[in-house]
Amino acid sequence: MADIEQEVGAVIVGAGRSKRMGDVDKIFAPLAGQPVLLRVLQPFIECPAVDRIVVVLNGRNYDEGKELIDAQNWEKEVAVCTGGRRRQDSVLKGLKHLGVCDYVVIHDGARPLVTIDLIERGLKAAKETGAAVAALPATDTIKLAHKDMASLWTLPRGSLWTIQTPQVFQYDLLMKAYREAEEDVTDDAQLIELTGGKVKLYTGAYDNIKITTPDDMAIAETLWKRQKA
């Protein structure tokens, strides 16, 4: 957990287009009777280490999302802003809206099974290098393929990890990486790597899945019931 004098913010990124969910915006899809967005936010509201939160939405779901958040009687500050074209643009807008703090937790708005434990362990791990990400060892054999789908070689599974969120950073370190790195990236940790920083991996959770398809919603329902049993 962060020291009492350290201020921690969180940026929840929910600005995606939910292309593989059909006509349903996944952050509003019901999970155990509540929208996914509220399920995602609850652990951050309850986590004593997190002081304030920004939710990043796209232009189409902004009004609905803000109305949903404003209707909650949370004591913790939860602000809402609009995102950008790329995920990294959305995160940067969220960081600027959040304002300066000591550490920031970045989390996908489509991972509703995040826990307080995952958040707090990420904050603890980030103290070692300034950057930490939840990760799991790869369990499948992974092959590198040519664009014609011909297998080139098999990657050594023992050194491969699948990356999740939360991802936790010293705020100033992440903002510096955003200023210096120009490449397109798939997560914020890659920005730290590109600018010469060191990222600490800490153990994630197998039920911390990302909802991408309707099938994922069904799986999340089952995992939610098991988690709360």
C-alpha atoms as a PDB file:
ATOM      1  CA  MET A   1       0.000   0.000   0.000  1.00  0.00           C
ATOM      2  CA  ALA A   2       1.173   3.533  -0.669  1.00  0.00           C
ATOM      3  CA  ASP A   3       2.596   5.510   2.257  1.00  0.00           C
ATOM      4  CA  ILE A   4       0.108   7.825   3.921  1.00  0.00           C
ATOM      5  CA  GLU A   5       1.845  10.963   2.608  1.00  0.00           C
ATOM      6  CA  GLN A   6       1.778   9.743  -0.996  1.00  0.00           C
ATOM      7  CA  GLU A   7      -1.114  10.723  -3.216  1.00  0.00           C
ATOM      8  CA  VAL A   8      -2.415   8.045  -5.577  1.00  0.00           C
ATOM      9  CA  GLY A   9      -4.690   8.595  -8.549  1.00  0.00           C
ATOM     10  CA  ALA A  10      -6.329   6.118 -10.899  1.00  0.00           C
ATOM     11  CA  VAL A  11      -7.204   6.387 -14.582  1.00  0.00           C
ATOM     12  CA  ILE A  12      -9.876   3.969 -15.804  1.00  0.00           C
ATOM     13  CA  VAL A  13      -9.807   3.708 -19.593  1.00  0.00           C
ATOM     14  CA  GLY A  14     -13.229   3.030 -21.105  1.00  0.00           C
ATOM     15  CA  ALA A  15     -12.963   4.891 -24.407  1.00  0.00           C
ATOM     16  CA  GLY A  16     -12.864   1.858 -26.704  1.00  0.00           C
ATOM     17  CA  ARG A  17     -15.427   1.175 -29.398  1.00  0.00           C
ATOM     18  CA  SER A  18     -16.517  -2.345 -28.281  1.00  0.00           C
ATOM     19  CA  LYS A  19     -16.415  -3.506 -31.914  1.00  0.00           C
ATOM     20  CA  ARG A  20     -16.635  -7.200 -31.046  1.00  0.00           C
ATOM     21  CA  MET A  21     -19.610  -6.756 -28.700  1.00  0.00           C
ATOM     22  CA  GLY A  22     -22.127  -6.084 -31.472  1.00  0.00           C
ATOM     23  CA  ASP A  23     -24.494  -3.249 -30.584  1.00  0.00           C
ATOM     24  CA  VAL A  24     -23.591  -3.335 -26.867  1.00  0.00           C
ATOM     25  CA  ASP A  25     -21.075  -0.987 -25.257  1.00  0.00           C
ATOM     26  CA  LYS A  26     -19.284  -3.412 -22.935  1.00  0.00           C
ATOM     27  CA  ILE A  27     -18.766  -0.915 -20.115  1.00  0.00           C
ATOM     28  CA  PHE A  28     -22.560  -0.639 -19.748  1.00  0.00           C
ATOM     29  CA  ALA A  29     -23.278  -4.358 -20.158  1.00  0.00           C
ATOM     30  CA  PRO A  30     -24.771  -5.842 -16.973  1.00  0.00           C
ATOM     31  CA  LEU A  31     -22.527  -7.964 -14.799  1.00  0.00           C
ATOM     32  CA  ALA A  32     -24.237  -9.506 -11.776  1.00  0.00           C
ATOM     33  CA  GLY A  33     -26.916  -6.812 -11.922  1.00  0.00           C
ATOM     34  CA  GLN A  34     -24.690  -3.754 -12.371  1.00  0.00           C
ATOM     35  CA  PRO A  35     -22.969  -2.157 -15.375  1.00  0.00           C
ATOM     36  CA  VAL A  36     -19.398  -3.331 -15.956  1.00  0.00           C
ATOM     37  CA  LEU A  37     -18.172   0.235 -15.409  1.00  0.00           C
ATOM     38  CA  LEU A  38     -19.491   0.300 -11.847  1.00  0.00           C
ATOM     39  CA  ARG A  39     -18.023  -3.141 -11.152  1.00  0.00           C
ATOM     40  CA  VAL A  40     -14.641  -1.853 -12.334  1.00  0.00           C
ATOM     41  CA  LEU A  41     -14.844   1.292 -10.236  1.00  0.00           C
ATOM     42  CA  GLN A  42     -15.940  -0.305  -6.958  1.00  0.00           C
ATOM     43  CA  PRO A  43     -12.535  -1.722  -5.904  1.00  0.00           C
ATOM     44  CA  PHE A  44     -10.907   1.646  -6.610  1.00  0.00           C
ATOM     45  CA  ILE A  45     -13.560   3.382  -4.526  1.00  0.00           C
ATOM     46  CA  GLU A  46     -13.001   0.920  -1.684  1.00  0.00           C
ATOM     47  CA  CYS A  47      -9.191   0.847  -1.905  1.00  0.00           C
ATOM     48  CA  PRO A  48      -7.868   3.136   0.856  1.00  0.00           C
ATOM     49  CA  ALA A  49      -4.657   3.802  -1.077  1.00  0.00           C
ATOM     50  CA  VAL A  50      -6.456   5.472  -4.007  1.00  0.00           C
ATOM     51  CA  ASP A  51      -7.329   9.123  -3.469  1.00  0.00           C
ATOM     52  CA  ARG A  52      -9.040  10.164  -6.700  1.00  0.00           C
ATOM     53  CA  ILE A  53     -10.168   8.641  -9.972  1.00  0.00           C
ATOM     54  CA  VAL A  54     -10.651   9.729 -13.578  1.00  0.00           C
ATOM     55  CA  VAL A  55     -12.748   7.708 -16.013  1.00  0.00           C
ATOM     56  CA  VAL A  56     -11.944   8.215 -19.702  1.00  0.00           C
ATOM     57  CA  LEU A  57     -14.846   7.689 -22.096  1.00  0.00           C
ATOM     58  CA  ASN A  58     -15.375   8.239 -25.808  1.00  0.00           C
ATOM     59  CA  GLY A  59     -17.643  10.878 -27.282  1.00  0.00           C
ATOM     60  CA  ARG A  60     -20.503   8.436 -27.833  1.00  0.00           C
ATOM     61  CA  ASN A  61     -20.664   7.012 -24.336  1.00  0.00           C
ATOM     62  CA  TYR A  62     -19.609  10.102 -22.397  1.00  0.00           C
ATOM     63  CA  ASP A  63     -23.063  11.395 -21.462  1.00  0.00           C
ATOM     64  CA  GLU A  64     -24.362   7.996 -20.386  1.00  0.00           C
ATOM     65  CA  GLY A  65     -21.218   7.221 -18.437  1.00  0.00           C
ATOM     66  CA  LYS A  66     -21.100  10.574 -16.655  1.00  0.00           C
ATOM     67  CA  GLU A  67     -24.769  10.311 -15.728  1.00  0.00           C
ATOM     68  CA  LEU A  68     -24.185   6.824 -14.333  1.00  0.00           C
ATOM     69  CA  ILE A  69     -21.187   7.932 -12.269  1.00  0.00           C
ATOM     70  CA  ASP A  70     -22.808  11.144 -11.039  1.00  0.00           C
ATOM     71  CA  ALA A  71     -25.775   9.131  -9.765  1.00  0.00           C
ATOM     72  CA  GLN A  72     -23.576   7.230  -7.304  1.00  0.00           C
ATOM     73  CA  ASN A  73     -23.177   8.407  -3.720  1.00  0.00           C
ATOM     74  CA  TRP A  74     -19.457   7.833  -3.518  1.00  0.00           C
ATOM     75  CA  GLU A  75     -17.388   9.845  -1.071  1.00  0.00           C
ATOM     76  CA  LYS A  76     -14.297   9.546  -3.282  1.00  0.00           C
ATOM     77  CA  GLU A  77     -13.866  11.963  -6.193  1.00  0.00           C
ATOM     78  CA  VAL A  78     -14.574  10.382  -9.602  1.00  0.00           C
ATOM     79  CA  ALA A  79     -14.129  12.705 -12.581  1.00  0.00           C
ATOM     80  CA  VAL A  80     -14.944  11.963 -16.233  1.00  0.00           C
ATOM     81  CA  CYS A  81     -13.225  13.111 -19.412  1.00  0.00           C
ATOM     82  CA  THR A  82     -13.229  12.180 -23.094  1.00  0.00           C
ATOM     83  CA  GLY A  83     -10.472  10.151 -24.698  1.00  0.00           C
ATOM     84  CA  GLY A  84      -8.509  10.354 -27.931  1.00  0.00           C
ATOM     85  CA  ARG A  85      -8.001   8.389 -31.135  1.00  0.00           C
ATOM     86  CA  ARG A  86      -5.614   5.804 -29.703  1.00  0.00           C
ATOM     87  CA  ARG A  87      -5.606   4.153 -26.296  1.00  0.00           C
ATOM     88  CA  GLN A  88      -2.405   5.985 -25.389  1.00  0.00           C
ATOM     89  CA  ASP A  89      -4.054   9.293 -26.339  1.00  0.00           C
ATOM     90  CA  SER A  90      -6.937   8.459 -24.003  1.00  0.00           C
ATOM     91  CA  VAL A  91      -4.600   7.603 -21.142  1.00  0.00           C
ATOM     92  CA  LEU A  92      -2.670  10.841 -21.613  1.00  0.00           C
ATOM     93  CA  LYS A  93      -5.874  12.881 -21.518  1.00  0.00           C
ATOM     94  CA  GLY A  94      -6.857  11.018 -18.363  1.00  0.00           C
ATOM     95  CA  LEU A  95      -3.485  11.747 -16.762  1.00  0.00           C
ATOM     96  CA  LYS A  96      -3.772  15.442 -17.522  1.00  0.00           C
ATOM     97  CA  HIS A  97      -7.320  15.528 -16.164  1.00  0.00           C
ATOM     98  CA  LEU A  98      -6.211  13.682 -13.033  1.00  0.00           C
ATOM     99  CA  GLY A  99      -3.454  16.161 -12.295  1.00  0.00           C
ATOM    100  CA  VAL A 100      -0.148  15.679 -10.518  1.00  0.00           C
ATOM    101  CA  CYS A 101       0.076  12.950  -7.893  1.00  0.00           C
ATOM    102  CA  ASP A 102       2.786  10.585  -6.652  1.00  0.00           C
ATOM    103  CA  TYR A 103       1.570   7.359  -8.244  1.00  0.00           C
ATOM    104  CA  VAL A 104      -1.077   6.598 -10.845  1.00  0.00           C
ATOM    105  CA  VAL A 105      -2.863   3.310 -11.440  1.00  0.00           C
ATOM    106  CA  ILE A 106      -3.944   2.707 -15.053  1.00  0.00           C
ATOM    107  CA  HIS A 107      -6.700   0.130 -15.502  1.00  0.00           C
ATOM    108  CA  ASP A 108      -8.824  -1.147 -18.386  1.00  0.00           C
ATOM    109  CA  GLY A 109     -12.499  -0.277 -18.117  1.00  0.00           C
ATOM    110  CA  ALA A 110     -13.274  -3.762 -19.421  1.00  0.00           C
ATOM    111  CA  ARG A 111     -11.583  -5.678 -16.556  1.00  0.00           C
ATOM    112  CA  PRO A 112     -14.344  -5.747 -13.924  1.00  0.00           C
ATOM    113  CA  LEU A 113     -12.814  -8.468 -11.734  1.00  0.00           C
ATOM    114  CA  VAL A 114      -9.938  -6.335 -10.492  1.00  0.00           C
ATOM    115  CA  THR A 115      -9.482  -6.469  -6.718  1.00  0.00           C
ATOM    116  CA  ILE A 116      -8.153  -4.201  -4.002  1.00  0.00           C
ATOM    117  CA  ASP A 117      -5.350  -6.716  -3.489  1.00  0.00           C
ATOM    118  CA  LEU A 118      -4.235  -6.373  -7.140  1.00  0.00           C
ATOM    119  CA  ILE A 119      -4.219  -2.596  -6.854  1.00  0.00           C
ATOM    120  CA  GLU A 120      -2.276  -2.523  -3.591  1.00  0.00           C
ATOM    121  CA  ARG A 121       0.279  -5.113  -4.714  1.00  0.00           C
ATOM    122  CA  GLY A 122       0.861  -3.048  -7.849  1.00  0.00           C
ATOM    123  CA  LEU A 123       1.534   0.049  -5.754  1.00  0.00           C
ATOM    124  CA  LYS A 124       3.975  -1.895  -3.605  1.00  0.00           C
ATOM    125  CA  ALA A 125       5.802  -3.299  -6.648  1.00  0.00           C
ATOM    126  CA  ALA A 126       6.003   0.119  -8.321  1.00  0.00           C
ATOM    127  CA  LYS A 127       8.111   1.404  -5.445  1.00  0.00           C
ATOM    128  CA  GLU A 128      11.002  -0.756  -6.658  1.00  0.00           C
ATOM    129  CA  THR A 129      11.411   0.730 -10.143  1.00  0.00           C
ATOM    130  CA  GLY A 130       8.726   3.389 -10.533  1.00  0.00           C
ATOM    131  CA  ALA A 131       6.694   1.137 -12.841  1.00  0.00           C
ATOM    132  CA  ALA A 132       4.901  -2.163 -12.248  1.00  0.00           C
ATOM    133  CA  VAL A 133       2.388  -4.204 -14.237  1.00  0.00           C
ATOM    134  CA  ALA A 134       0.204  -7.186 -13.401  1.00  0.00           C
ATOM    135  CA  ALA A 135       1.295 -10.229 -15.399  1.00  0.00           C
ATOM    136  CA  LEU A 136       0.841 -13.991 -15.646  1.00  0.00           C
ATOM    137  CA  PRO A 137       3.237 -16.609 -17.017  1.00  0.00           C
ATOM    138  CA  ALA A 138       2.252 -17.810 -20.480  1.00  0.00           C
ATOM    139  CA  THR A 139       0.613 -21.226 -20.303  1.00  0.00           C
ATOM    140  CA  ASP A 140       0.235 -21.876 -24.041  1.00  0.00           C
ATOM    141  CA  THR A 141       3.004 -22.556 -26.519  1.00  0.00           C
ATOM    142  CA  ILE A 142       3.525 -19.371 -28.527  1.00  0.00           C
ATOM    143  CA  LYS A 143       4.854 -19.333 -32.083  1.00  0.00           C
ATOM    144  CA  LEU A 144       6.092 -16.416 -34.144  1.00  0.00           C
ATOM    145  CA  ALA A 145       4.421 -16.509 -37.555  1.00  0.00           C
ATOM    146  CA  HIS A 146       5.050 -14.913 -40.924  1.00  0.00           C
ATOM    147  CA  LYS A 147       2.252 -12.836 -42.428  1.00  0.00           C
ATOM    148  CA  ASP A 148       1.297 -15.841 -44.595  1.00  0.00           C
ATOM    149  CA  MET A 149       0.673 -17.772 -41.337  1.00  0.00           C
ATOM    150  CA  ALA A 150       3.757 -19.944 -41.752  1.00  0.00           C
ATOM    151  CA  SER A 151       5.323 -20.656 -38.379  1.00  0.00           C
ATOM    152  CA  LEU A 152       8.820 -19.184 -38.107  1.00  0.00           C
ATOM    153  CA  TRP A 153       9.827 -20.512 -34.696  1.00  0.00           C
ATOM    154  CA  THR A 154       8.564 -21.307 -31.230  1.00  0.00           C
ATOM    155  CA  LEU A 155       9.239 -18.753 -28.538  1.00  0.00           C
ATOM    156  CA  PRO A 156      10.650 -19.951 -25.188  1.00  0.00           C
ATOM    157  CA  ARG A 157       7.572 -20.088 -22.980  1.00  0.00           C
ATOM    158  CA  GLY A 158       9.545 -19.892 -19.757  1.00  0.00           C
ATOM    159  CA  SER A 159      10.373 -16.238 -20.349  1.00  0.00           C
ATOM    160  CA  LEU A 160       6.978 -15.149 -21.718  1.00  0.00           C
ATOM    161  CA  TRP A 161       4.348 -13.328 -19.679  1.00  0.00           C
ATOM    162  CA  THR A 162       0.867 -12.108 -20.571  1.00  0.00           C
ATOM    163  CA  ILE A 163       0.235  -8.570 -19.393  1.00  0.00           C
ATOM    164  CA  GLN A 164      -2.860  -7.264 -17.627  1.00  0.00           C
ATOM    165  CA  THR A 165      -3.867  -4.129 -15.845  1.00  0.00           C
ATOM    166  CA  PRO A 166      -3.572  -2.600 -13.259  1.00  0.00           C
ATOM    167  CA  GLN A 167      -0.353  -0.939 -14.343  1.00  0.00           C
ATOM    168  CA  VAL A 168       1.132   1.393 -11.746  1.00  0.00           C
ATOM    169  CA  PHE A 169       3.623   4.211 -12.302  1.00  0.00           C
ATOM    170  CA  GLN A 170       5.214   7.165 -10.654  1.00  0.00           C
ATOM    171  CA  TYR A 171       3.152   9.953 -12.191  1.00  0.00           C
ATOM    172  CA  ASP A 172       6.145  12.074 -13.235  1.00  0.00           C
ATOM    173  CA  LEU A 173       7.902   9.051 -14.765  1.00  0.00           C
ATOM    174  CA  LEU A 174       4.912   8.160 -16.921  1.00  0.00           C
ATOM    175  CA  MET A 175       4.345  11.746 -18.033  1.00  0.00           C
ATOM    176  CA  LYS A 176       8.030  11.984 -18.989  1.00  0.00           C
ATOM    177  CA  ALA A 177       7.667   8.809 -21.071  1.00  0.00           C
ATOM    178  CA  TYR A 178       4.635  10.268 -22.834  1.00  0.00           C
ATOM    179  CA  ARG A 179       6.600  13.402 -23.699  1.00  0.00           C
ATOM    180  CA  GLU A 180       9.602  11.491 -25.061  1.00  0.00           C
ATOM    181  CA  ALA A 181       8.135   8.438 -26.820  1.00  0.00           C
ATOM    182  CA  GLU A 182       6.489   8.865 -30.220  1.00  0.00           C
ATOM    183  CA  GLU A 183       5.759   5.234 -31.156  1.00  0.00           C
ATOM    184  CA  ASP A 184       2.339   3.585 -31.123  1.00  0.00           C
ATOM    185  CA  VAL A 185       2.169   1.289 -28.110  1.00  0.00           C
ATOM    186  CA  THR A 186      -0.244  -1.336 -26.820  1.00  0.00           C
ATOM    187  CA  ASP A 187       0.184  -0.513 -23.143  1.00  0.00           C
ATOM    188  CA  ASP A 188       1.718   2.174 -20.955  1.00  0.00           C
ATOM    189  CA  ALA A 189       4.546  -0.047 -19.727  1.00  0.00           C
ATOM    190  CA  GLN A 190       5.899  -0.127 -23.278  1.00  0.00           C
ATOM    191  CA  LEU A 191       6.387   3.637 -23.114  1.00  0.00           C
ATOM    192  CA  ILE A 192       8.566   3.214 -20.040  1.00  0.00           C
ATOM    193  CA  GLU A 193      10.581   0.512 -21.821  1.00  0.00           C
ATOM    194  CA  LEU A 194      11.035   2.675 -24.919  1.00  0.00           C
ATOM    195  CA  THR A 195      12.453   5.519 -22.839  1.00  0.00           C
ATOM    196  CA  GLY A 196      14.922   3.291 -20.994  1.00  0.00           C
ATOM    197  CA  GLY A 197      12.945   2.639 -17.826  1.00  0.00           C
ATOM    198  CA  LYS A 198      12.598  -0.619 -15.946  1.00  0.00           C
ATOM    199  CA  VAL A 199       9.194  -2.244 -15.476  1.00  0.00           C
ATOM    200  CA  LYS A 200       8.573  -4.639 -12.602  1.00  0.00           C
ATOM    201  CA  LEU A 201       6.188  -7.538 -13.252  1.00  0.00           C
ATOM    202  CA  TYR A 202       4.004  -8.641 -10.360  1.00  0.00           C
ATOM    203  CA  THR A 203       1.646 -11.597 -10.272  1.00  0.00           C
ATOM    204  CA  GLY A 204      -1.779 -10.829 -11.711  1.00  0.00           C
ATOM    205  CA  ALA A 205      -4.904 -12.982 -11.456  1.00  0.00           C
ATOM    206  CA  TYR A 206      -6.339 -15.541 -13.866  1.00  0.00           C
ATOM    207  CA  ASP A 207      -9.863 -14.266 -13.250  1.00  0.00           C
ATOM    208  CA  ASN A 208      -8.852 -10.667 -14.037  1.00  0.00           C
ATOM    209  CA  ILE A 209     -10.085 -11.117 -17.593  1.00  0.00           C
ATOM    210  CA  LYS A 210     -10.712  -8.419 -20.173  1.00  0.00           C
ATOM    211  CA  ILE A 211     -14.204  -8.394 -21.660  1.00  0.00           C
ATOM    212  CA  THR A 212     -13.981  -8.242 -25.441  1.00  0.00           C
ATOM    213  CA  THR A 213     -16.772 -10.506 -26.758  1.00  0.00           C
ATOM    214  CA  PRO A 214     -20.228 -11.604 -25.559  1.00  0.00           C
ATOM    215  CA  ASP A 215     -18.669 -14.939 -24.556  1.00  0.00           C
ATOM    216  CA  ASP A 216     -16.353 -13.059 -22.204  1.00  0.00           C
ATOM    217  CA  MET A 217     -19.401 -11.608 -20.455  1.00  0.00           C
ATOM    218  CA  ALA A 218     -20.685 -15.095 -19.731  1.00  0.00           C
ATOM    219  CA  ILE A 219     -17.287 -16.122 -18.365  1.00  0.00           C
ATOM    220  CA  ALA A 220     -17.098 -12.964 -16.240  1.00  0.00           C
ATOM    221  CA  GLU A 221     -20.511 -13.751 -14.723  1.00  0.00           C
ATOM    222  CA  THR A 222     -19.275 -17.168 -13.645  1.00  0.00           C
ATOM    223  CA  LEU A 223     -16.010 -15.803 -12.284  1.00  0.00           C
ATOM    224  CA  TRP A 224     -17.834 -13.021 -10.447  1.00  0.00           C
ATOM    225  CA  LYS A 225     -20.079 -15.505  -8.653  1.00  0.00           C
ATOM    226  CA  ARG A 226     -17.080 -17.632  -7.703  1.00  0.00           C
ATOM    227  CA  GLN A 227     -15.117 -14.597  -6.509  1.00  0.00           C
ATOM    228  CA  LYS A 228     -17.969 -13.422  -4.291  1.00  0.00           C
ATOM    229  CA  ALA A 229     -18.927 -16.874  -2.977  1.00  0.00           C
END
